Every structure is written in structure tokens, then in C-alpha cells.
Amino acid sequence: MASEESRGEYIVEFQQHGASVKVSVIDPVTMTEVSIVGPRSAGQEELQRAALAKLHYVMKKKAGGAKPDDTPAQPPQKKPGIIV
């Protein structure tokens, strides 16, 4: 899996739904797909980085390497709100 992560080839899709953006990321080798939803005001790079972190977590969990305390790190919030 480390070689897959370092290769960095993923399919990323952005779908705007009103004030939100759904970001889906697929690893073409394992066909693992994850999605997140974030505010439209967040930058595309920030949303993509969060989705990739989730993908790496899910892939690690499927491989048996993730523990409950290995949740993806979330950047500190500058605006009030809840990360879902």
C-alpha cells in the first residue's frame, strides 16, 4: 500500500450542491472510494487533501493497520462550525 500512496494517482471528482461541495476520491488500483462534503468556501486543495487523508485511512484500515486513534488529522478550525 505504501507504494500506491506514494504514486499519488487518484481519481478526484468535485460536485457542487448549493453551498456545499462533495468530493469523491477513488484509488484506481484497489477501487476504494471515499467521499466527503465540505463548504463551497473552502479551497479545492483543502477539500482534496481532506478526502485523500480519508482515503488513506480507509485503505490502511482495510489492510488491518488502522486503530481507532489513527483518525485522520483535521486542521484547526478558524471559523465556528462542526467538521462532519
Protein backbone atom coordinates (compact mmCIF):
# COMPACT_ATOMS: atom_id res chain seq x y z
CA MET A 1 0.00 0.00 0.00
CA ALA A 2 2.86 2.40 0.66
CA SER A 3 3.87 2.28 -2.99
CA GLU A 4 0.28 3.08 -4.01
CA GLU A 5 0.16 6.08 -1.69
CA SER A 6 3.50 7.41 -2.86
CA ARG A 7 2.48 7.03 -6.51
CA GLY A 8 -0.30 9.56 -5.94
CA GLU A 9 -2.56 8.59 -8.83
CA TYR A 10 -6.19 9.04 -7.84
CA ILE A 11 -9.45 9.98 -9.49
CA VAL A 12 -10.92 13.07 -7.84
CA GLU A 13 -14.41 14.42 -8.53
CA PHE A 14 -15.93 17.67 -7.24
CA GLN A 15 -19.73 18.12 -7.26
CA GLN A 16 -21.26 21.39 -6.16
CA HIS A 17 -24.58 21.15 -4.32
CA GLY A 18 -25.74 24.62 -3.29
CA ALA A 19 -23.35 25.95 -0.66
CA SER A 20 -21.62 22.57 -0.29
CA VAL A 21 -19.14 20.59 -2.37
CA LYS A 22 -18.99 16.79 -2.42
CA VAL A 23 -15.50 15.45 -3.08
CA SER A 24 -15.13 11.81 -4.13
CA VAL A 25 -11.73 10.13 -4.44
CA ILE A 26 -11.11 6.71 -5.99
CA ASP A 27 -7.92 4.66 -5.90
CA PRO A 28 -7.89 3.03 -9.36
CA VAL A 29 -5.75 0.09 -8.22
CA THR A 30 -7.93 -1.09 -5.31
CA MET A 31 -11.16 0.61 -6.49
CA THR A 32 -11.58 2.02 -2.98
CA GLU A 33 -13.81 5.10 -2.97
CA VAL A 34 -14.45 7.67 -0.26
CA SER A 35 -16.43 10.90 -0.19
CA ILE A 36 -16.54 14.00 1.96
CA VAL A 37 -18.78 17.06 1.94
CA GLY A 38 -17.43 20.50 2.75
CA PRO A 39 -18.33 24.15 2.38
CA ARG A 40 -18.01 25.74 -1.03
CA SER A 41 -15.94 28.49 0.60
CA ALA A 42 -13.17 26.01 1.45
CA GLY A 43 -10.44 25.83 -1.13
CA GLN A 44 -10.33 22.99 -3.63
CA GLU A 45 -6.88 21.93 -2.40
CA GLU A 46 -8.05 21.79 1.23
CA LEU A 47 -11.07 19.65 0.35
CA GLN A 48 -8.96 17.36 -1.81
CA ARG A 49 -6.35 16.98 0.96
CA ALA A 50 -9.07 16.01 3.46
CA ALA A 51 -10.58 13.48 1.04
CA LEU A 52 -7.15 11.93 0.34
CA ALA A 53 -6.47 11.68 4.08
CA LYS A 54 -9.76 9.80 4.47
CA LEU A 55 -8.90 7.52 1.54
CA HIS A 56 -5.50 6.67 3.04
CA TYR A 57 -7.15 5.99 6.42
CA VAL A 58 -9.76 3.68 4.87
CA MET A 59 -7.15 1.82 2.83
CA LYS A 60 -4.97 1.40 5.92
CA LYS A 61 -7.98 0.19 7.91
CA LYS A 62 -8.87 -2.37 5.22
CA ALA A 63 -5.29 -3.63 5.34
CA GLY A 64 -5.64 -4.11 9.10
CA GLY A 65 -3.22 -1.36 10.09
CA ALA A 66 -5.52 1.38 11.38
CA LYS A 67 -6.53 1.70 15.01
CA PRO A 68 -9.39 3.79 16.40
CA ASP A 69 -6.94 6.50 17.47
CA ASP A 70 -5.46 6.72 13.93
CA THR A 71 -8.22 9.02 12.71
CA PRO A 72 -7.11 11.47 10.01
CA ALA A 73 -5.70 14.67 11.42
CA GLN A 74 -8.03 17.60 10.94
CA PRO A 75 -6.71 21.14 10.52
CA PRO A 76 -7.54 23.61 13.28
CA GLN A 77 -10.76 25.47 12.68
CA LYS A 78 -10.57 29.21 12.14
CA LYS A 79 -14.33 29.58 11.71
CA PRO A 80 -17.00 28.33 14.08
CA GLY A 81 -18.63 25.12 12.95
CA ILE A 82 -18.55 21.38 13.12
CA ILE A 83 -16.45 19.05 11.00
CA VAL A 84 -18.54 16.09 9.92
